[in-house]
Amino acid sequence: MPTYRILLVEEQVESDCAEFKVAASTARDGAKILVGAHARAREKSSNWVSLPDGQSARIEPDNLVRTRVYCVLLDDDGNEVEEIDLNTPTSPARPPS
């Protein structure tokens, strides 16, 4: 029986949200403004997202939304090869012809 190196991963997704009113030509442009403001806050190690017009909100993800457990096949050097799909049924082995 072969032996495989397999990485067991538990991934947790947490969320928080805040509503802003953003003046922009499109909703997509408004979203880009918010994402940029969020990036600037993170660069300062801050949870406060602030816009030039004075709007600000604290984004502090602490609501657990989802937990995912999965496995990744590793090669002999410990490099990730592929995620092992546990949701797809395996096909039965066929005898050699």
PDB file of N, CA and C in Angstrom:
ATOM      1  N   MET A   1       0.853  -1.169   0.000  1.00  0.00           N
ATOM      2  CA  MET A   1       0.000   0.000   0.000  1.00  0.00           C
ATOM      3  C   MET A   1       0.903   1.238   0.000  1.00  0.00           C
ATOM      4  N   PRO A   2       0.656   2.184  -0.932  1.00  0.00           N
ATOM      5  CA  PRO A   2       1.496   3.395  -1.001  1.00  0.00           C
ATOM      6  C   PRO A   2       1.257   4.317   0.194  1.00  0.00           C
ATOM      7  N   THR A   3       2.241   5.168   0.440  1.00  0.00           N
ATOM      8  CA  THR A   3       2.143   6.187   1.489  1.00  0.00           C
ATOM      9  C   THR A   3       2.164   7.550   0.816  1.00  0.00           C
ATOM     10  N   TYR A   4       1.270   8.444   1.257  1.00  0.00           N
ATOM     11  CA  TYR A   4       1.149   9.779   0.660  1.00  0.00           C
ATOM     12  C   TYR A   4       1.414  10.841   1.711  1.00  0.00           C
ATOM     13  N   ARG A   5       2.035  11.939   1.289  1.00  0.00           N
ATOM     14  CA  ARG A   5       2.159  13.120   2.151  1.00  0.00           C
ATOM     15  C   ARG A   5       0.925  13.965   1.883  1.00  0.00           C
ATOM     16  N   ILE A   6       0.142  14.205   2.924  1.00  0.00           N
ATOM     17  CA  ILE A   6      -1.113  14.947   2.769  1.00  0.00           C
ATOM     18  C   ILE A   6      -1.190  16.030   3.831  1.00  0.00           C
ATOM     19  N   LEU A   7      -1.492  17.221   3.383  1.00  0.00           N
ATOM     20  CA  LEU A   7      -1.644  18.368   4.272  1.00  0.00           C
ATOM     21  C   LEU A   7      -3.122  18.497   4.636  1.00  0.00           C
ATOM     22  N   LEU A   8      -3.438  18.484   5.921  1.00  0.00           N
ATOM     23  CA  LEU A   8      -4.803  18.694   6.408  1.00  0.00           C
ATOM     24  C   LEU A   8      -4.956  20.173   6.722  1.00  0.00           C
ATOM     25  N   VAL A   9      -5.949  20.820   6.126  1.00  0.00           N
ATOM     26  CA  VAL A   9      -6.133  22.264   6.264  1.00  0.00           C
ATOM     27  C   VAL A   9      -7.518  22.554   6.848  1.00  0.00           C
ATOM     28  N   GLU A  10      -7.548  23.402   7.871  1.00  0.00           N
ATOM     29  CA  GLU A  10      -8.816  23.932   8.371  1.00  0.00           C
ATOM     30  C   GLU A  10      -8.798  25.421   8.094  1.00  0.00           C
ATOM     31  N   GLU A  11      -9.777  25.869   7.357  1.00  0.00           N
ATOM     32  CA  GLU A  11      -9.850  27.271   6.943  1.00  0.00           C
ATOM     33  C   GLU A  11     -11.131  27.862   7.523  1.00  0.00           C
ATOM     34  N   GLN A  12     -11.007  28.988   8.187  1.00  0.00           N
ATOM     35  CA  GLN A  12     -12.172  29.657   8.745  1.00  0.00           C
ATOM     36  C   GLN A  12     -12.341  31.009   8.076  1.00  0.00           C
ATOM     37  N   VAL A  13     -13.565  31.314   7.726  1.00  0.00           N
ATOM     38  CA  VAL A  13     -13.882  32.590   7.112  1.00  0.00           C
ATOM     39  C   VAL A  13     -14.719  33.389   8.108  1.00  0.00           C
ATOM     40  N   GLU A  14     -14.210  34.564   8.448  1.00  0.00           N
ATOM     41  CA  GLU A  14     -14.929  35.461   9.340  1.00  0.00           C
ATOM     42  C   GLU A  14     -15.344  36.698   8.555  1.00  0.00           C
ATOM     43  N   SER A  15     -16.393  37.348   9.019  1.00  0.00           N
ATOM     44  CA  SER A  15     -16.846  38.527   8.284  1.00  0.00           C
ATOM     45  C   SER A  15     -17.318  39.630   9.218  1.00  0.00           C
ATOM     46  N   ASP A  16     -17.359  40.805   8.645  1.00  0.00           N
ATOM     47  CA  ASP A  16     -17.969  41.976   9.257  1.00  0.00           C
ATOM     48  C   ASP A  16     -18.324  42.889   8.089  1.00  0.00           C
ATOM     49  N   CYS A  17     -19.180  43.840   8.300  1.00  0.00           N
ATOM     50  CA  CYS A  17     -19.551  44.725   7.199  1.00  0.00           C
ATOM     51  C   CYS A  17     -19.901  46.108   7.723  1.00  0.00           C
ATOM     52  N   ALA A  18     -19.877  47.060   6.822  1.00  0.00           N
ATOM     53  CA  ALA A  18     -20.264  48.433   7.127  1.00  0.00           C
ATOM     54  C   ALA A  18     -20.826  49.041   5.852  1.00  0.00           C
ATOM     55  N   GLU A  19     -21.819  49.860   6.001  1.00  0.00           N
ATOM     56  CA  GLU A  19     -22.463  50.487   4.837  1.00  0.00           C
ATOM     57  C   GLU A  19     -21.948  51.910   4.658  1.00  0.00           C
ATOM     58  N   PHE A  20     -21.664  52.252   3.410  1.00  0.00           N
ATOM     59  CA  PHE A  20     -21.230  53.599   3.044  1.00  0.00           C
ATOM     60  C   PHE A  20     -22.111  54.104   1.914  1.00  0.00           C
ATOM     61  N   LYS A  21     -22.236  55.411   1.802  1.00  0.00           N
ATOM     62  CA  LYS A  21     -22.860  56.046   0.644  1.00  0.00           C
ATOM     63  C   LYS A  21     -21.733  56.673  -0.154  1.00  0.00           C
ATOM     64  N   VAL A  22     -21.534  56.163  -1.368  1.00  0.00           N
ATOM     65  CA  VAL A  22     -20.370  56.557  -2.158  1.00  0.00           C
ATOM     66  C   VAL A  22     -20.820  57.207  -3.462  1.00  0.00           C
ATOM     67  N   ALA A  23     -20.368  58.420  -3.721  1.00  0.00           N
ATOM     68  CA  ALA A  23     -20.648  59.101  -4.985  1.00  0.00           C
ATOM     69  C   ALA A  23     -19.645  58.599  -6.016  1.00  0.00           C
ATOM     70  N   ALA A  24     -20.159  57.971  -7.082  1.00  0.00           N
ATOM     71  CA  ALA A  24     -19.292  57.434  -8.135  1.00  0.00           C
ATOM     72  C   ALA A  24     -20.122  57.282  -9.402  1.00  0.00           C
ATOM     73  N   SER A  25     -19.446  57.194 -10.549  1.00  0.00           N
ATOM     74  CA  SER A  25     -20.179  57.088 -11.816  1.00  0.00           C
ATOM     75  C   SER A  25     -20.876  55.739 -11.965  1.00  0.00           C
ATOM     76  N   THR A  26     -20.342  54.692 -11.352  1.00  0.00           N
ATOM     77  CA  THR A  26     -20.981  53.370 -11.375  1.00  0.00           C
ATOM     78  C   THR A  26     -20.827  52.725  -9.997  1.00  0.00           C
ATOM     79  N   ALA A  27     -21.641  51.729  -9.731  1.00  0.00           N
ATOM     80  CA  ALA A  27     -21.522  50.991  -8.473  1.00  0.00           C
ATOM     81  C   ALA A  27     -20.148  50.329  -8.375  1.00  0.00           C
ATOM     82  N   ARG A  28     -19.646  49.854  -9.512  1.00  0.00           N
ATOM     83  CA  ARG A  28     -18.316  49.225  -9.533  1.00  0.00           C
ATOM     84  C   ARG A  28     -17.238  50.234  -9.127  1.00  0.00           C
ATOM     85  N   ASP A  29     -17.328  51.451  -9.645  1.00  0.00           N
ATOM     86  CA  ASP A  29     -16.365  52.488  -9.265  1.00  0.00           C
ATOM     87  C   ASP A  29     -16.478  52.816  -7.779  1.00  0.00           C
ATOM     88  N   GLY A  30     -17.700  52.842  -7.274  1.00  0.00           N
ATOM     89  CA  GLY A  30     -17.899  53.069  -5.841  1.00  0.00           C
ATOM     90  C   GLY A  30     -17.277  51.961  -5.012  1.00  0.00           C
ATOM     91  N   ALA A  31     -17.437  50.715  -5.474  1.00  0.00           N
ATOM     92  CA  ALA A  31     -16.841  49.580  -4.771  1.00  0.00           C
ATOM     93  C   ALA A  31     -15.319  49.688  -4.777  1.00  0.00           C
ATOM     94  N   LYS A  32     -14.752  50.145  -5.906  1.00  0.00           N
ATOM     95  CA  LYS A  32     -13.299  50.312  -5.982  1.00  0.00           C
ATOM     96  C   LYS A  32     -12.812  51.354  -4.974  1.00  0.00           C
ATOM     97  N   ILE A  33     -13.585  52.414  -4.796  1.00  0.00           N
ATOM     98  CA  ILE A  33     -13.236  53.447  -3.816  1.00  0.00           C
ATOM     99  C   ILE A  33     -13.205  52.837  -2.412  1.00  0.00           C
ATOM    100  N   LEU A  34     -14.225  52.022  -2.087  1.00  0.00           N
ATOM    101  CA  LEU A  34     -14.274  51.397  -0.767  1.00  0.00           C
ATOM    102  C   LEU A  34     -13.129  50.410  -0.562  1.00  0.00           C
ATOM    103  N   VAL A  35     -12.848  49.600  -1.577  1.00  0.00           N
ATOM    104  CA  VAL A  35     -11.761  48.631  -1.454  1.00  0.00           C
ATOM    105  C   VAL A  35     -10.419  49.345  -1.283  1.00  0.00           C
ATOM    106  N   GLY A  36     -10.240  50.450  -1.986  1.00  0.00           N
ATOM    107  CA  GLY A  36      -9.016  51.242  -1.821  1.00  0.00           C
ATOM    108  C   GLY A  36      -8.899  51.810  -0.415  1.00  0.00           C
ATOM    109  N   ALA A  37     -10.019  52.311   0.117  1.00  0.00           N
ATOM    110  CA  ALA A  37     -10.011  52.845   1.481  1.00  0.00           C
ATOM    111  C   ALA A  37      -9.705  51.740   2.490  1.00  0.00           C
ATOM    112  N   HIS A  38     -10.233  50.559   2.249  1.00  0.00           N
ATOM    113  CA  HIS A  38      -9.963  49.420   3.127  1.00  0.00           C
ATOM    114  C   HIS A  38      -8.472  49.053   3.074  1.00  0.00           C
ATOM    115  N   ALA A  39      -7.904  49.044   1.873  1.00  0.00           N
ATOM    116  CA  ALA A  39      -6.479  48.719   1.717  1.00  0.00           C
ATOM    117  C   ALA A  39      -5.604  49.737   2.455  1.00  0.00           C
ATOM    118  N   ARG A  40      -5.956  51.009   2.366  1.00  0.00           N
ATOM    119  CA  ARG A  40      -5.185  52.037   3.068  1.00  0.00           C
ATOM    120  C   ARG A  40      -5.269  51.850   4.585  1.00  0.00           C
ATOM    121  N   ALA A  41      -6.448  51.463   5.071  1.00  0.00           N
ATOM    122  CA  ALA A  41      -6.599  51.210   6.508  1.00  0.00           C
ATOM    123  C   ALA A  41      -5.726  50.030   6.928  1.00  0.00           C
ATOM    124  N   ARG A  42      -5.718  48.967   6.129  1.00  0.00           N
ATOM    125  CA  ARG A  42      -4.930  47.782   6.464  1.00  0.00           C
ATOM    126  C   ARG A  42      -3.431  48.084   6.441  1.00  0.00           C
ATOM    127  N   GLU A  43      -3.007  48.969   5.510  1.00  0.00           N
ATOM    128  CA  GLU A  43      -1.594  49.364   5.469  1.00  0.00           C
ATOM    129  C   GLU A  43      -1.168  50.032   6.765  1.00  0.00           C
ATOM    130  N   LYS A  44      -2.107  50.683   7.431  1.00  0.00           N
ATOM    131  CA  LYS A  44      -1.835  51.352   8.702  1.00  0.00           C
ATOM    132  C   LYS A  44      -2.133  50.436   9.895  1.00  0.00           C
ATOM    133  N   SER A  45      -2.420  49.164   9.611  1.00  0.00           N
ATOM    134  CA  SER A  45      -2.811  48.198  10.654  1.00  0.00           C
ATOM    135  C   SER A  45      -4.018  48.696  11.442  1.00  0.00           C
ATOM    136  N   SER A  46      -4.959  49.296  10.710  1.00  0.00           N
ATOM    137  CA  SER A  46      -6.159  49.847  11.333  1.00  0.00           C
ATOM    138  C   SER A  46      -7.387  49.101  10.840  1.00  0.00           C
ATOM    139  N   ASN A  47      -8.400  49.053  11.686  1.00  0.00           N
ATOM    140  CA  ASN A  47      -9.693  48.494  11.293  1.00  0.00           C
ATOM    141  C   ASN A  47     -10.680  49.582  10.869  1.00  0.00           C
ATOM    142  N   TRP A  48     -10.251  50.852  10.948  1.00  0.00           N
ATOM    143  CA  TRP A  48     -11.131  51.964  10.599  1.00  0.00           C
ATOM    144  C   TRP A  48     -10.981  52.317   9.123  1.00  0.00           C
ATOM    145  N   VAL A  49     -12.057  52.131   8.382  1.00  0.00           N
ATOM    146  CA  VAL A  49     -12.095  52.489   6.966  1.00  0.00           C
ATOM    147  C   VAL A  49     -12.691  53.887   6.882  1.00  0.00           C
ATOM    148  N   SER A  50     -11.961  54.798   6.251  1.00  0.00           N
ATOM    149  CA  SER A  50     -12.404  56.195   6.178  1.00  0.00           C
ATOM    150  C   SER A  50     -12.402  56.681   4.740  1.00  0.00           C
ATOM    151  N   LEU A  51     -13.429  57.459   4.408  1.00  0.00           N
ATOM    152  CA  LEU A  51     -13.523  58.079   3.090  1.00  0.00           C
ATOM    153  C   LEU A  51     -13.213  59.567   3.224  1.00  0.00           C
ATOM    154  N   PRO A  52     -12.798  60.210   2.124  1.00  0.00           N
ATOM    155  CA  PRO A  52     -12.462  61.635   2.169  1.00  0.00           C
ATOM    156  C   PRO A  52     -13.608  62.523   2.658  1.00  0.00           C
ATOM    157  N   ASP A  53     -14.861  62.087   2.457  1.00  0.00           N
ATOM    158  CA  ASP A  53     -15.998  62.930   2.886  1.00  0.00           C
ATOM    159  C   ASP A  53     -16.292  62.810   4.377  1.00  0.00           C
ATOM    160  N   GLY A  54     -15.455  62.043   5.099  1.00  0.00           N
ATOM    161  CA  GLY A  54     -15.621  61.940   6.548  1.00  0.00           C
ATOM    162  C   GLY A  54     -16.321  60.678   7.021  1.00  0.00           C
ATOM    163  N   GLN A  55     -16.930  59.941   6.128  1.00  0.00           N
ATOM    164  CA  GLN A  55     -17.554  58.695   6.549  1.00  0.00           C
ATOM    165  C   GLN A  55     -16.469  57.726   7.013  1.00  0.00           C
ATOM    166  N   SER A  56     -16.753  57.019   8.093  1.00  0.00           N
ATOM    167  CA  SER A  56     -15.815  55.999   8.545  1.00  0.00           C
ATOM    168  C   SER A  56     -16.582  54.919   9.283  1.00  0.00           C
ATOM    169  N   ALA A  57     -16.009  53.742   9.286  1.00  0.00           N
ATOM    170  CA  ALA A  57     -16.609  52.611   9.985  1.00  0.00           C
ATOM    171  C   ALA A  57     -15.503  51.631  10.345  1.00  0.00           C
ATOM    172  N   ARG A  58     -15.730  50.964  11.437  1.00  0.00           N
ATOM    173  CA  ARG A  58     -14.764  49.954  11.879  1.00  0.00           C
ATOM    174  C   ARG A  58     -15.171  48.601  11.308  1.00  0.00           C
ATOM    175  N   ILE A  59     -14.231  47.956  10.645  1.00  0.00           N
ATOM    176  CA  ILE A  59     -14.447  46.623  10.102  1.00  0.00           C
ATOM    177  C   ILE A  59     -13.578  45.675  10.925  1.00  0.00           C
ATOM    178  N   GLU A  60     -14.228  44.858  11.714  1.00  0.00           N
ATOM    179  CA  GLU A  60     -13.499  43.928  12.573  1.00  0.00           C
ATOM    180  C   GLU A  60     -14.147  42.552  12.456  1.00  0.00           C
ATOM    181  N   PRO A  61     -13.677  41.770  11.488  1.00  0.00           N
ATOM    182  CA  PRO A  61     -14.287  40.458  11.282  1.00  0.00           C
ATOM    183  C   PRO A  61     -14.196  39.585  12.527  1.00  0.00           C
ATOM    184  N   ASP A  62     -15.355  39.211  13.044  1.00  0.00           N
ATOM    185  CA  ASP A  62     -15.386  38.313  14.188  1.00  0.00           C
ATOM    186  C   ASP A  62     -16.593  37.389  14.147  1.00  0.00           C
ATOM    187  N   ASN A  63     -17.360  37.462  13.066  1.00  0.00           N
ATOM    188  CA  ASN A  63     -18.505  36.576  12.901  1.00  0.00           C
ATOM    189  C   ASN A  63     -18.081  35.400  12.029  1.00  0.00           C
ATOM    190  N   LEU A  64     -18.035  34.213  12.616  1.00  0.00           N
ATOM    191  CA  LEU A  64     -17.631  33.036  11.861  1.00  0.00           C
ATOM    192  C   LEU A  64     -18.713  32.691  10.851  1.00  0.00           C
ATOM    193  N   VAL A  65     -18.345  32.722   9.575  1.00  0.00           N
ATOM    194  CA  VAL A  65     -19.295  32.478   8.498  1.00  0.00           C
ATOM    195  C   VAL A  65     -19.230  31.031   8.033  1.00  0.00           C
ATOM    196  N   ARG A  66     -18.009  30.517   7.951  1.00  0.00           N
ATOM    197  CA  ARG A  66     -17.855  29.186   7.367  1.00  0.00           C
ATOM    198  C   ARG A  66     -16.537  28.585   7.834  1.00  0.00           C
ATOM    199  N   THR A  67     -16.555  27.290   8.026  1.00  0.00           N
ATOM    200  CA  THR A  67     -15.337  26.534   8.284  1.00  0.00           C
ATOM    201  C   THR A  67     -15.244  25.462   7.212  1.00  0.00           C
ATOM    202  N   ARG A  68     -14.076  25.336   6.647  1.00  0.00           N
ATOM    203  CA  ARG A  68     -13.860  24.353   5.589  1.00  0.00           C
ATOM    204  C   ARG A  68     -12.638  23.523   5.964  1.00  0.00           C
ATOM    205  N   VAL A  69     -12.787  22.213   5.870  1.00  0.00           N
ATOM    206  CA  VAL A  69     -11.670  21.308   6.111  1.00  0.00           C
ATOM    207  C   VAL A  69     -11.399  20.584   4.795  1.00  0.00           C
ATOM    208  N   TYR A  70     -10.134  20.593   4.378  1.00  0.00           N
ATOM    209  CA  TYR A  70      -9.784  19.913   3.137  1.00  0.00           C
ATOM    210  C   TYR A  70      -8.355  19.401   3.209  1.00  0.00           C
ATOM    211  N   CYS A  71      -7.992  18.600   2.232  1.00  0.00           N
ATOM    212  CA  CYS A  71      -6.663  18.006   2.190  1.00  0.00           C
ATOM    213  C   CYS A  71      -5.976  18.348   0.871  1.00  0.00           C
ATOM    214  N   VAL A  72      -4.653  18.483   0.940  1.00  0.00           N
ATOM    215  CA  VAL A  72      -3.841  18.791  -0.240  1.00  0.00           C
ATOM    216  C   VAL A  72      -2.732  17.753  -0.337  1.00  0.00           C
ATOM    217  N   LEU A  73      -2.586  17.179  -1.520  1.00  0.00           N
ATOM    218  CA  LEU A  73      -1.513  16.226  -1.769  1.00  0.00           C
ATOM    219  C   LEU A  73      -0.196  16.976  -1.910  1.00  0.00           C
ATOM    220  N   LEU A  74       0.833  16.488  -1.220  1.00  0.00           N
ATOM    221  CA  LEU A  74       2.166  17.096  -1.283  1.00  0.00           C
ATOM    222  C   LEU A  74       3.118  16.172  -2.032  1.00  0.00           C
ATOM    223  N   ASP A  75       4.106  16.765  -2.709  1.00  0.00           N
ATOM    224  CA  ASP A  75       5.134  15.934  -3.340  1.00  0.00           C
ATOM    225  C   ASP A  75       6.207  15.605  -2.304  1.00  0.00           C
ATOM    226  N   ASP A  76       7.242  14.908  -2.719  1.00  0.00           N
ATOM    227  CA  ASP A  76       8.286  14.475  -1.784  1.00  0.00           C
ATOM    228  C   ASP A  76       9.021  15.632  -1.120  1.00  0.00           C
ATOM    229  N   ASP A  77       9.009  16.816  -1.770  1.00  0.00           N
ATOM    230  CA  ASP A  77       9.678  17.991  -1.205  1.00  0.00           C
ATOM    231  C   ASP A  77       8.751  18.840  -0.349  1.00  0.00           C
ATOM    232  N   GLY A  78       7.487  18.420  -0.203  1.00  0.00           N
ATOM    233  CA  GLY A  78       6.527  19.171   0.597  1.00  0.00           C
ATOM    234  C   GLY A  78       5.799  20.256  -0.170  1.00  0.00           C
ATOM    235  N   ASN A  79       5.938  20.276  -1.504  1.00  0.00           N
ATOM    236  CA  ASN A  79       5.233  21.262  -2.321  1.00  0.00           C
ATOM    237  C   ASN A  79       3.815  20.782  -2.589  1.00  0.00           C
ATOM    238  N   GLU A  80       2.870  21.718  -2.597  1.00  0.00           N
ATOM    239  CA  GLU A  80       1.491  21.361  -2.863  1.00  0.00           C
ATOM    240  C   GLU A  80       1.324  20.949  -4.319  1.00  0.00           C
ATOM    241  N   VAL A  81       0.709  19.788  -4.528  1.00  0.00           N
ATOM    242  CA  VAL A  81       0.476  19.268  -5.872  1.00  0.00           C
ATOM    243  C   VAL A  81      -0.952  19.579  -6.309  1.00  0.00           C
ATOM    244  N   GLU A  82      -1.920  19.197  -5.477  1.00  0.00           N
ATOM    245  CA  GLU A  82      -3.325  19.448  -5.805  1.00  0.00           C
ATOM    246  C   GLU A  82      -4.187  19.214  -4.576  1.00  0.00           C
ATOM    247  N   GLU A  83      -5.335  19.868  -4.584  1.00  0.00           N
ATOM    248  CA  GLU A  83      -6.317  19.621  -3.544  1.00  0.00           C
ATOM    249  C   GLU A  83      -6.985  18.287  -3.846  1.00  0.00           C
ATOM    250  N   ILE A  84      -7.207  17.492  -2.821  1.00  0.00           N
ATOM    251  CA  ILE A  84      -7.852  16.195  -2.988  1.00  0.00           C
ATOM    252  C   ILE A  84      -9.353  16.403  -2.894  1.00  0.00           C
ATOM    253  N   ASP A  85     -10.058  16.097  -3.970  1.00  0.00           N
ATOM    254  CA  ASP A  85     -11.506  16.286  -4.032  1.00  0.00           C
ATOM    255  C   ASP A  85     -12.201  15.125  -3.339  1.00  0.00           C
ATOM    256  N   LEU A  86     -12.769  15.398  -2.176  1.00  0.00           N
ATOM    257  CA  LEU A  86     -13.458  14.360  -1.414  1.00  0.00           C
ATOM    258  C   LEU A  86     -14.951  14.318  -1.712  1.00  0.00           C
ATOM    259  N   ASN A  87     -15.441  15.244  -2.532  1.00  0.00           N
ATOM    260  CA  ASN A  87     -16.867  15.315  -2.821  1.00  0.00           C
ATOM    261  C   ASN A  87     -17.280  14.545  -4.064  1.00  0.00           C
ATOM    262  N   THR A  88     -16.342  14.261  -4.941  1.00  0.00           N
ATOM    263  CA  THR A  88     -16.641  13.521  -6.162  1.00  0.00           C
ATOM    264  C   THR A  88     -16.437  12.036  -5.897  1.00  0.00           C
ATOM    265  N   PRO A  89     -17.440  11.223  -6.207  1.00  0.00           N
ATOM    266  CA  PRO A  89     -17.269   9.775  -5.976  1.00  0.00           C
ATOM    267  C   PRO A  89     -16.114   9.244  -6.829  1.00  0.00           C
ATOM    268  N   THR A  90     -15.367   8.323  -6.237  1.00  0.00           N
ATOM    269  CA  THR A  90     -14.272   7.709  -6.990  1.00  0.00           C
ATOM    270  C   THR A  90     -14.856   6.647  -7.914  1.00  0.00           C
ATOM    271  N   SER A  91     -14.255   6.502  -9.070  1.00  0.00           N
ATOM    272  CA  SER A  91     -14.713   5.472  -9.995  1.00  0.00           C
ATOM    273  C   SER A  91     -14.087   4.142  -9.587  1.00  0.00           C
ATOM    274  N   PRO A  92     -14.833   3.067  -9.773  1.00  0.00           N
ATOM    275  CA  PRO A  92     -14.275   1.777  -9.375  1.00  0.00           C
ATOM    276  C   PRO A  92     -13.058   1.432 -10.220  1.00  0.00           C
ATOM    277  N   ALA A  93     -12.091   0.758  -9.604  1.00  0.00           N
ATOM    278  CA  ALA A  93     -10.886   0.372 -10.335  1.00  0.00           C
ATOM    279  C   ALA A  93     -11.256  -0.647 -11.403  1.00  0.00           C
ATOM    280  N   ARG A  94     -10.673  -0.464 -12.573  1.00  0.00           N
ATOM    281  CA  ARG A  94     -10.906  -1.404 -13.668  1.00  0.00           C
ATOM    282  C   ARG A  94      -9.728  -2.361 -13.756  1.00  0.00           C
ATOM    283  N   PRO A  95     -10.020  -3.638 -13.951  1.00  0.00           N
ATOM    284  CA  PRO A  95      -8.912  -4.567 -14.122  1.00  0.00           C
ATOM    285  C   PRO A  95      -8.184  -4.304 -15.427  1.00  0.00           C
ATOM    286  N   PRO A  96      -6.875  -4.538 -15.473  1.00  0.00           N
ATOM    287  CA  PRO A  96      -6.141  -4.317 -16.719  1.00  0.00           C
ATOM    288  C   PRO A  96      -6.686  -5.209 -17.839  1.00  0.00           C
ATOM    289  N   SER A  97      -6.662  -4.690 -19.054  1.00  0.00           N
ATOM    290  CA  SER A  97      -7.195  -5.493 -20.173  1.00  0.00           C
ATOM    291  C   SER A  97      -6.119  -6.245 -20.905  1.00  0.00           C
TER     292      SER A  97
END
